[in-house]
Amino acid sequence: SDFDLVLLPELCTTGCLFLSKQQAIELAEDIPYGKTTQTLIKIAQAKSAYIIAGMLETEAEQLYNSAIIVGPEGFIGK
């Protein structure tokens, strides 16, 4: 493993500036089933490491500035 822990910044998948709320909604992801979380799980498992990432989440039609943690065992929490 090249690393044990990676801490990615807030809103690492989208950046912090949005032209509208609609744009933010379109960029938000479902946690833990979204593309980013699933990709980070695969990387964490391949490297036997942990990854914490800040991302825009959509849940029940609400937006959240969330952080996830994944590791060799998969999705750990948000």
C-alpha atoms as a PDB file:
ATOM      1  CA  SER A   1       0.000   0.000   0.000  1.00  0.00           C
ATOM      2  CA  ASP A   2       1.279   3.468  -0.897  1.00  0.00           C
ATOM      3  CA  PHE A   3      -0.857   5.091   1.801  1.00  0.00           C
ATOM      4  CA  ASP A   4      -2.848   4.221   4.902  1.00  0.00           C
ATOM      5  CA  LEU A   5      -5.169   7.234   4.916  1.00  0.00           C
ATOM      6  CA  VAL A   6      -6.136   9.856   2.343  1.00  0.00           C
ATOM      7  CA  LEU A   7      -8.133  12.914   3.362  1.00  0.00           C
ATOM      8  CA  LEU A   8      -9.707  14.637   0.370  1.00  0.00           C
ATOM      9  CA  PRO A   9     -11.041  18.204   0.657  1.00  0.00           C
ATOM     10  CA  GLU A  10     -14.563  19.507   1.083  1.00  0.00           C
ATOM     11  CA  LEU A  11     -16.674  19.123  -2.071  1.00  0.00           C
ATOM     12  CA  CYS A  12     -13.745  17.402  -3.779  1.00  0.00           C
ATOM     13  CA  THR A  13     -15.881  16.094  -6.644  1.00  0.00           C
ATOM     14  CA  THR A  14     -17.674  19.331  -7.570  1.00  0.00           C
ATOM     15  CA  GLY A  15     -15.832  22.355  -6.266  1.00  0.00           C
ATOM     16  CA  CYS A  16     -17.588  24.986  -4.144  1.00  0.00           C
ATOM     17  CA  LEU A  17     -19.099  27.369  -6.696  1.00  0.00           C
ATOM     18  CA  PHE A  18     -22.447  26.611  -8.293  1.00  0.00           C
ATOM     19  CA  LEU A  19     -24.368  28.724 -10.791  1.00  0.00           C
ATOM     20  CA  SER A  20     -27.682  27.689  -9.262  1.00  0.00           C
ATOM     21  CA  LYS A  21     -29.248  25.337  -6.749  1.00  0.00           C
ATOM     22  CA  GLN A  22     -30.375  23.212  -9.699  1.00  0.00           C
ATOM     23  CA  GLN A  23     -26.759  22.779 -10.801  1.00  0.00           C
ATOM     24  CA  ALA A  24     -25.809  21.664  -7.297  1.00  0.00           C
ATOM     25  CA  ILE A  25     -28.685  19.167  -7.279  1.00  0.00           C
ATOM     26  CA  GLU A  26     -27.528  17.760 -10.608  1.00  0.00           C
ATOM     27  CA  LEU A  27     -23.954  17.316  -9.298  1.00  0.00           C
ATOM     28  CA  ALA A  28     -24.941  15.795  -5.942  1.00  0.00           C
ATOM     29  CA  GLU A  29     -24.674  12.050  -5.419  1.00  0.00           C
ATOM     30  CA  ASP A  30     -26.424   9.373  -3.455  1.00  0.00           C
ATOM     31  CA  ILE A  31     -24.316   8.081  -0.583  1.00  0.00           C
ATOM     32  CA  PRO A  32     -23.267   5.237  -0.457  1.00  0.00           C
ATOM     33  CA  TYR A  33     -24.538   4.087  -3.867  1.00  0.00           C
ATOM     34  CA  GLY A  34     -23.222   6.942  -6.026  1.00  0.00           C
ATOM     35  CA  LYS A  35     -20.346   6.694  -8.475  1.00  0.00           C
ATOM     36  CA  THR A  36     -17.793   8.511  -6.313  1.00  0.00           C
ATOM     37  CA  THR A  37     -18.401   6.473  -3.161  1.00  0.00           C
ATOM     38  CA  GLN A  38     -18.308   3.217  -5.105  1.00  0.00           C
ATOM     39  CA  THR A  39     -15.082   4.233  -6.872  1.00  0.00           C
ATOM     40  CA  LEU A  40     -13.418   5.247  -3.600  1.00  0.00           C
ATOM     41  CA  ILE A  41     -14.458   1.928  -2.031  1.00  0.00           C
ATOM     42  CA  LYS A  42     -12.692   0.058  -4.843  1.00  0.00           C
ATOM     43  CA  ILE A  43      -9.524   2.134  -4.385  1.00  0.00           C
ATOM     44  CA  ALA A  44      -9.571   1.691  -0.596  1.00  0.00           C
ATOM     45  CA  GLN A  45     -10.005  -2.057  -0.954  1.00  0.00           C
ATOM     46  CA  ALA A  46      -7.235  -2.347  -3.545  1.00  0.00           C
ATOM     47  CA  LYS A  47      -4.834  -0.377  -1.336  1.00  0.00           C
ATOM     48  CA  SER A  48      -6.009  -1.753   2.051  1.00  0.00           C
ATOM     49  CA  ALA A  49      -6.351   1.858   3.148  1.00  0.00           C
ATOM     50  CA  TYR A  50      -8.916   4.421   4.302  1.00  0.00           C
ATOM     51  CA  ILE A  51     -10.257   7.406   2.394  1.00  0.00           C
ATOM     52  CA  ILE A  52     -12.237  10.351   3.743  1.00  0.00           C
ATOM     53  CA  ALA A  53     -13.841  12.621   1.152  1.00  0.00           C
ATOM     54  CA  GLY A  54     -16.118  15.636   1.280  1.00  0.00           C
ATOM     55  CA  MET A  55     -18.887  15.636  -1.300  1.00  0.00           C
ATOM     56  CA  LEU A  56     -22.267  17.037  -2.187  1.00  0.00           C
ATOM     57  CA  GLU A  57     -25.001  14.588  -1.221  1.00  0.00           C
ATOM     58  CA  THR A  58     -28.644  14.404  -2.147  1.00  0.00           C
ATOM     59  CA  GLU A  59     -31.033  12.570   0.155  1.00  0.00           C
ATOM     60  CA  ALA A  60     -34.828  12.852   0.189  1.00  0.00           C
ATOM     61  CA  GLU A  61     -34.639  15.859  -2.163  1.00  0.00           C
ATOM     62  CA  GLN A  62     -32.306  17.723   0.241  1.00  0.00           C
ATOM     63  CA  LEU A  63     -28.705  18.802  -0.368  1.00  0.00           C
ATOM     64  CA  TYR A  64     -25.964  18.139   2.162  1.00  0.00           C
ATOM     65  CA  ASN A  65     -22.277  18.982   2.370  1.00  0.00           C
ATOM     66  CA  SER A  66     -21.282  15.520   3.582  1.00  0.00           C
ATOM     67  CA  ALA A  67     -18.108  13.592   4.255  1.00  0.00           C
ATOM     68  CA  ILE A  68     -17.701   9.865   3.745  1.00  0.00           C
ATOM     69  CA  ILE A  69     -15.224   7.344   5.060  1.00  0.00           C
ATOM     70  CA  VAL A  70     -14.463   4.129   3.224  1.00  0.00           C
ATOM     71  CA  GLY A  71     -11.906   1.424   3.828  1.00  0.00           C
ATOM     72  CA  PRO A  72     -10.916  -2.127   3.024  1.00  0.00           C
ATOM     73  CA  GLU A  73     -14.213  -3.313   4.518  1.00  0.00           C
ATOM     74  CA  GLY A  74     -16.214  -0.978   2.221  1.00  0.00           C
ATOM     75  CA  PHE A  75     -18.452   1.927   3.181  1.00  0.00           C
ATOM     76  CA  ILE A  76     -17.982   2.857   6.845  1.00  0.00           C
ATOM     77  CA  GLY A  77     -20.120   5.949   7.271  1.00  0.00           C
ATOM     78  CA  LYS A  78     -20.945   9.527   6.462  1.00  0.00           C
END
